Structures are given as structure tokens and as C-alpha cells.
Amino acid sequence: MIKFGLFSDVHLSGKKHRLSRALDALRDVDVILIAGDIANGGEKGQYALAREAFSEYPDSIPVFIVAGNHDISGDDEAAFRTFERNMLKRSEGVFDVELGGCGAFYVRLSENLDLTGLNPLYHQKLFRFPDRGEQLMFLEERLSGSGCANHIVLCHLPPAAHDPQGSRPYLSAEQDARLQKIVDGHPRVLFISGHTHLYPQIEPDDEHGNIYINDGSVCPTHSKASQGETFPGNIMRFDVEDTFTGIKTVFLENRR
């Protein structure tokens, strides 16, 4: 069994306390997944704060992270990519990571489980997979060729059909439809996203045999149904052996 810790939307700016609290609550997991927006402005100093927080966390626990819209400024990926490589070093000797030249990555976590991380860019309030969606081709090829029974897809934005905000698509209609078609074509996918800052959502898709998690955020979250009620930030946990089990939300102490 692999024990996962999951969070997103830390929005590090001048202090690391939110990230440190999230990590302190996840010292007993095997792998950490971060669904984007660890930094607030994609600045080197913000990633330095993140590295400082992780220096106090066991370096034996691999960390896989994808970029959010606050992690990459325009098309300038340099600061995020440096931080991504720093985090991937934790997996050396544990997992082999395939870095696709398209900006995505793939790792086989066990005989029955793999992970694909997607890193769309963000520009003028829309996400996009560059180079005619090469990352989407990478995702399809890895899901089709892995032979694993279970798959995790980690991406900052949710597909439009599983967006808890129910707002306009974050991607172009064409790329959103391609992403959804790929996921629908492979049962037992756990699709993990962040971005919305809403109360955490766990949505089974029984028709296709998949699960969608929109994991709220380490920052305080909101619920559409609560008319503006604010909840503490959160982390999530789940286990994988033959199936995804024990998916639960853990709220963090809401203090500044």
C-alpha cells in the first residue's frame, strides 16, 4: 500500500508557515502530491521559502508537484522548473521519473499504479497546453502503454465537466474536450486538481470508473453552498493498493 498526502494552493509569498503546517501534518506518508500554486508570483524568493520549508521535512519522502497559474509568470518557467527539479531529486533511488520534453512528467509508482503530471501554461486568464497539446498526447501514450490498473493524473485545473465552480472552461473548448476524452477512455483514473479554493470535492464518475478530487487549498477555502462561509485550509490523504481507498480531508488550524 502507498500512503499519499495531497495539497495545493499554498500561495507562498513572504512567510512559509502555511506550507510548514501542511508538511507537519504529513510526516507519515510515502509520497506527497502538490496540485499547483505553491508560490504566489512565481518568484525565486518564494521558491527559496518553499525549499526552506522542505529542508525541515524528511528528504526520504518523494514530492511530485505540478505548476499552477501563480507558479509560472507568462511563459517564463525557469524558477518553477528549478524548484521542480529540486523536488524530483527526492525520488532518486525510489522511483524513475520520465520528464517529457513537452513539460509533463511520468512515474511508475508500483506495479499497479502510475502518475502523470501535467503543466499547462497560463496566459490572459486561460490555461493552455502548448505545442498543439503535446502534453495531452504524452498523457494518452503513457496511460495506454503503462499496463497499470490504476492511474493518477495531477493537474492544477479541473476539466470543465468536473469543475466545482461550474464556471467557463479554463482551457480552450478543444483542449478541454481532448483532456476529458483521454481520461474517460481509461478507467480507474484518479484526477487531482486544485485552483478553485472551494471546499474540497470528491466526485466519483461511475460511468467511466474514475474519481475526481478538487482538493481545496492550504489557504482558507469557501463553499458555494455556504454563502461565503470560510473554512480552514486543508490537506488530503488517500491510500492505494488495488484500489483508491481512505480518501479524506484534514483541515488545518486556521491561523495567520
Protein backbone atom coordinates (compact mmCIF):
# COMPACT_ATOMS: atom_id res chain seq x y z
CA MET A 1 0.00 0.00 0.00
CA ILE A 2 1.18 3.52 -0.81
CA LYS A 3 0.07 6.32 1.51
CA PHE A 4 -0.36 9.70 -0.17
CA GLY A 5 -0.55 13.21 1.15
CA LEU A 6 -2.09 15.83 -1.09
CA PHE A 7 -2.45 19.59 -1.07
CA SER A 8 -2.43 22.64 -3.33
CA ASP A 9 -2.66 26.44 -3.40
CA VAL A 10 -0.20 27.40 -0.71
CA HIS A 11 0.46 30.78 -2.36
CA LEU A 12 3.77 31.35 -0.63
CA SER A 13 4.67 35.00 -0.55
CA GLY A 14 6.65 36.25 2.45
CA LYS A 15 6.12 33.52 5.05
CA LYS A 16 6.35 29.73 4.99
CA HIS A 17 4.04 28.90 7.93
CA ARG A 18 1.17 27.54 5.82
CA LEU A 19 3.45 25.16 3.94
CA SER A 20 5.22 24.10 7.14
CA ARG A 21 1.88 23.28 8.81
CA ALA A 22 0.79 21.19 5.84
CA LEU A 23 4.06 19.27 5.82
CA ASP A 24 3.99 18.73 9.59
CA ALA A 25 0.61 17.03 9.18
CA LEU A 26 2.01 14.65 6.53
CA ARG A 27 5.10 13.16 8.12
CA ASP A 28 3.71 9.60 7.98
CA VAL A 29 3.02 9.34 4.23
CA ASP A 30 5.02 7.66 1.47
CA VAL A 31 4.51 10.26 -1.27
CA ILE A 32 3.35 13.89 -1.39
CA LEU A 33 1.44 15.32 -4.35
CA ILE A 34 1.10 19.10 -4.79
CA ALA A 35 -1.53 20.26 -7.29
CA GLY A 36 -0.05 23.68 -8.04
CA ASP A 37 0.23 27.27 -6.81
CA ILE A 38 2.87 26.63 -4.19
CA ALA A 39 4.19 30.13 -4.94
CA ASN A 40 2.13 33.28 -5.25
CA GLY A 41 4.04 35.03 -8.02
CA GLY A 42 6.50 32.52 -9.47
CA GLU A 43 9.42 34.41 -7.90
CA LYS A 44 12.78 32.93 -6.92
CA GLY A 45 12.43 34.19 -3.36
CA GLN A 46 9.11 32.39 -2.96
CA TYR A 47 10.63 29.12 -4.12
CA ALA A 48 13.53 29.72 -1.73
CA LEU A 49 10.97 29.84 1.09
CA ALA A 50 9.46 26.59 -0.17
CA ARG A 51 12.88 24.91 -0.25
CA GLU A 52 13.48 26.12 3.30
CA ALA A 53 10.24 24.51 4.46
CA PHE A 54 11.07 21.25 2.71
CA SER A 55 14.56 21.25 4.24
CA GLU A 56 12.80 20.63 7.58
CA TYR A 57 10.81 17.71 6.13
CA PRO A 58 12.15 14.14 5.75
CA ASP A 59 14.05 14.02 2.46
CA SER A 60 13.22 10.32 2.10
CA ILE A 61 9.62 11.17 1.11
CA PRO A 62 9.27 11.88 -2.64
CA VAL A 63 7.38 15.01 -3.67
CA PHE A 64 5.71 15.47 -7.05
CA ILE A 65 4.42 18.90 -7.99
CA VAL A 66 2.69 20.49 -10.99
CA ALA A 67 2.52 24.18 -11.81
CA GLY A 68 -0.43 26.44 -11.15
CA ASN A 69 -1.19 29.80 -12.72
CA HIS A 70 0.65 31.58 -9.89
CA ASP A 71 3.75 29.39 -10.27
CA ILE A 72 4.65 30.41 -13.82
CA SER A 73 4.59 34.00 -14.97
CA GLY A 74 3.56 34.07 -18.62
CA ASP A 75 5.84 31.65 -20.46
CA ASP A 76 8.78 32.09 -18.05
CA GLU A 77 9.08 28.67 -16.46
CA ALA A 78 12.67 28.97 -15.19
CA ALA A 79 12.04 29.47 -11.46
CA PHE A 80 9.36 26.78 -11.30
CA ARG A 81 11.41 24.27 -13.30
CA THR A 82 14.38 24.75 -10.97
CA PHE A 83 12.14 24.07 -7.99
CA GLU A 84 10.53 21.09 -9.76
CA ARG A 85 13.95 19.51 -10.36
CA ASN A 86 14.85 20.13 -6.72
CA MET A 87 11.72 18.26 -5.62
CA LEU A 88 12.26 15.41 -8.08
CA LYS A 89 15.68 14.72 -6.59
CA ARG A 90 13.80 13.30 -3.61
CA SER A 91 12.59 10.44 -5.80
CA GLU A 92 16.09 9.36 -6.88
CA GLY A 93 16.68 5.79 -5.79
CA VAL A 94 12.95 5.32 -5.15
CA PHE A 95 11.25 5.98 -8.49
CA ASP A 96 12.39 6.57 -12.05
CA VAL A 97 10.84 9.78 -13.38
CA GLU A 98 10.38 10.38 -17.08
CA LEU A 99 10.49 14.07 -17.89
CA GLY A 100 8.73 14.56 -21.19
CA GLY A 101 10.26 17.32 -23.26
CA CYS A 102 6.73 18.70 -23.56
CA GLY A 103 6.60 19.85 -19.91
CA ALA A 104 4.77 16.86 -18.44
CA PHE A 105 6.26 14.02 -16.40
CA TYR A 106 5.50 10.35 -15.81
CA VAL A 107 6.45 7.99 -12.99
CA ARG A 108 5.51 4.39 -12.32
CA LEU A 109 4.87 4.22 -8.59
CA SER A 110 4.16 0.49 -8.35
CA GLU A 111 3.19 -2.48 -10.49
CA ASN A 112 -0.43 -1.32 -10.39
CA LEU A 113 -0.14 2.47 -10.20
CA ASP A 114 1.34 5.28 -12.25
CA LEU A 115 1.33 9.07 -12.07
CA THR A 116 1.25 11.62 -14.87
CA GLY A 117 1.81 15.29 -14.06
CA LEU A 118 0.54 17.96 -16.46
CA ASN A 119 1.87 21.51 -16.59
CA PRO A 120 -0.26 23.74 -18.81
CA LEU A 121 0.82 27.36 -19.07
CA TYR A 122 -1.37 30.29 -18.10
CA HIS A 123 -1.85 33.49 -20.06
CA GLN A 124 -4.58 36.14 -20.05
CA LYS A 125 -6.82 34.16 -17.66
CA LEU A 126 -6.74 30.97 -19.73
CA PHE A 127 -4.66 27.82 -19.41
CA ARG A 128 -3.22 26.15 -22.48
CA PHE A 129 -1.19 23.09 -23.33
CA PRO A 130 1.48 24.48 -25.67
CA ASP A 131 2.78 22.97 -28.90
CA ARG A 132 -0.64 21.84 -30.09
CA GLY A 133 -1.32 19.99 -26.89
CA GLU A 134 1.77 17.80 -26.86
CA GLN A 135 1.28 17.12 -23.15
CA LEU A 136 -2.13 15.64 -23.92
CA MET A 137 -0.52 13.27 -26.40
CA PHE A 138 2.04 12.38 -23.73
CA LEU A 139 -0.78 11.61 -21.28
CA GLU A 140 -2.63 9.38 -23.76
CA GLU A 141 0.52 7.46 -24.64
CA ARG A 142 1.50 6.85 -21.02
CA LEU A 143 -1.98 5.80 -19.91
CA SER A 144 -2.33 3.46 -22.87
CA GLY A 145 1.12 1.92 -22.59
CA SER A 146 1.71 1.54 -18.87
CA GLY A 147 -0.19 -1.66 -18.16
CA CYS A 148 -1.09 -0.35 -14.70
CA ALA A 149 -4.56 -0.95 -13.31
CA ASN A 150 -4.72 2.42 -11.53
CA HIS A 151 -3.66 5.87 -12.67
CA ILE A 152 -3.24 9.27 -11.05
CA VAL A 153 -3.36 12.41 -13.17
CA LEU A 154 -2.15 15.54 -11.38
CA CYS A 155 -3.11 18.88 -12.94
CA HIS A 156 -3.77 22.26 -11.35
CA LEU A 157 -7.00 22.88 -13.24
CA PRO A 158 -10.03 20.57 -13.32
CA PRO A 159 -11.73 19.64 -16.60
CA ALA A 160 -14.82 21.76 -17.21
CA ALA A 161 -17.24 18.86 -16.65
CA HIS A 162 -15.79 18.32 -13.16
CA ASP A 163 -15.18 21.92 -12.13
CA PRO A 164 -16.87 22.54 -8.75
CA GLN A 165 -17.17 26.23 -9.63
CA GLY A 166 -19.22 25.39 -12.71
CA SER A 167 -17.68 28.36 -14.48
CA ARG A 168 -16.35 28.77 -18.01
CA PRO A 169 -13.70 26.23 -19.09
CA TYR A 170 -10.15 27.00 -18.02
CA LEU A 171 -8.85 25.54 -21.28
CA SER A 172 -9.99 26.15 -24.83
CA ALA A 173 -13.01 24.04 -25.69
CA GLU A 174 -10.88 21.89 -27.98
CA GLN A 175 -8.17 21.13 -25.41
CA ASP A 176 -10.67 20.62 -22.60
CA ALA A 177 -12.59 18.10 -24.74
CA ARG A 178 -9.36 16.27 -25.59
CA LEU A 179 -8.34 16.05 -21.95
CA GLN A 180 -11.76 14.76 -20.91
CA LYS A 181 -11.84 12.19 -23.72
CA ILE A 182 -8.44 10.82 -22.72
CA VAL A 183 -9.44 10.44 -19.07
CA ASP A 184 -12.81 8.90 -19.97
CA GLY A 185 -11.00 6.32 -22.12
CA HIS A 186 -9.04 4.88 -19.20
CA PRO A 187 -10.96 3.52 -16.19
CA ARG A 188 -9.64 3.78 -12.64
CA VAL A 189 -8.14 7.23 -13.06
CA LEU A 190 -7.90 9.48 -10.02
CA PHE A 191 -7.82 13.01 -11.46
CA ILE A 192 -6.47 15.50 -8.91
CA SER A 193 -6.76 19.28 -9.30
CA GLY A 194 -6.67 22.45 -7.22
CA HIS A 195 -7.13 26.09 -8.27
CA THR A 196 -10.72 26.70 -7.18
CA HIS A 197 -10.17 27.42 -3.45
CA LEU A 198 -13.53 25.83 -2.75
CA TYR A 199 -14.40 23.34 -0.04
CA PRO A 200 -12.74 20.03 -1.09
CA GLN A 201 -14.71 17.95 -3.57
CA ILE A 202 -14.59 14.18 -4.16
CA GLU A 203 -16.64 13.26 -7.23
CA PRO A 204 -16.96 9.65 -8.44
CA ASP A 205 -17.64 9.22 -12.14
CA ASP A 206 -19.39 5.85 -12.07
CA GLU A 207 -20.00 5.84 -15.82
CA HIS A 208 -16.27 5.73 -16.58
CA GLY A 209 -14.99 4.26 -13.31
CA ASN A 210 -12.95 7.33 -12.35
CA ILE A 211 -12.72 9.73 -9.40
CA TYR A 212 -12.16 13.49 -9.46
CA ILE A 213 -10.65 15.28 -6.47
CA ASN A 214 -10.57 19.05 -6.30
CA ASP A 215 -8.57 19.38 -3.14
CA GLY A 216 -9.41 22.83 -1.85
CA SER A 217 -6.24 24.56 -0.71
CA VAL A 218 -3.84 25.15 2.14
CA CYS A 219 -5.20 28.68 2.06
CA PRO A 220 -8.67 29.05 3.65
CA THR A 221 -11.43 27.68 1.42
CA HIS A 222 -15.05 28.54 0.65
CA SER A 223 -18.21 26.61 -0.13
CA LYS A 224 -20.63 27.72 -2.83
CA ALA A 225 -23.50 26.44 -0.69
CA SER A 226 -22.40 28.32 2.43
CA GLN A 227 -22.92 31.85 1.07
CA GLY A 228 -19.39 32.98 1.78
CA GLU A 229 -18.62 30.85 4.85
CA THR A 230 -14.85 30.38 5.21
CA PHE A 231 -13.24 27.08 6.21
CA PRO A 232 -9.65 26.46 7.33
CA GLY A 233 -7.11 25.37 4.77
CA ASN A 234 -6.79 21.65 4.23
CA ILE A 235 -4.66 18.72 3.20
CA MET A 236 -5.97 15.39 1.93
CA ARG A 237 -4.94 11.77 2.33
CA PHE A 238 -5.60 8.59 0.40
CA ASP A 239 -4.13 5.11 0.05
CA VAL A 240 -3.61 2.93 -3.00
CA GLU A 241 -3.20 -0.82 -3.05
CA ASP A 242 -5.56 -2.42 -5.55
CA THR A 243 -7.99 0.50 -5.42
CA PHE A 244 -8.11 4.09 -4.18
CA THR A 245 -9.20 3.96 -0.54
CA GLY A 246 -9.46 6.10 2.55
CA ILE A 247 -9.82 9.42 0.72
CA LYS A 248 -10.33 12.03 3.41
CA THR A 249 -9.89 15.72 4.10
CA VAL A 250 -7.93 17.01 7.08
CA PHE A 251 -8.45 20.66 7.97
CA LEU A 252 -5.53 22.72 9.21
CA GLU A 253 -5.62 25.13 12.09
CA ASN A 254 -6.82 28.41 10.66
CA ARG A 255 -4.34 30.95 11.98
CA ARG A 256 -2.23 33.59 10.34
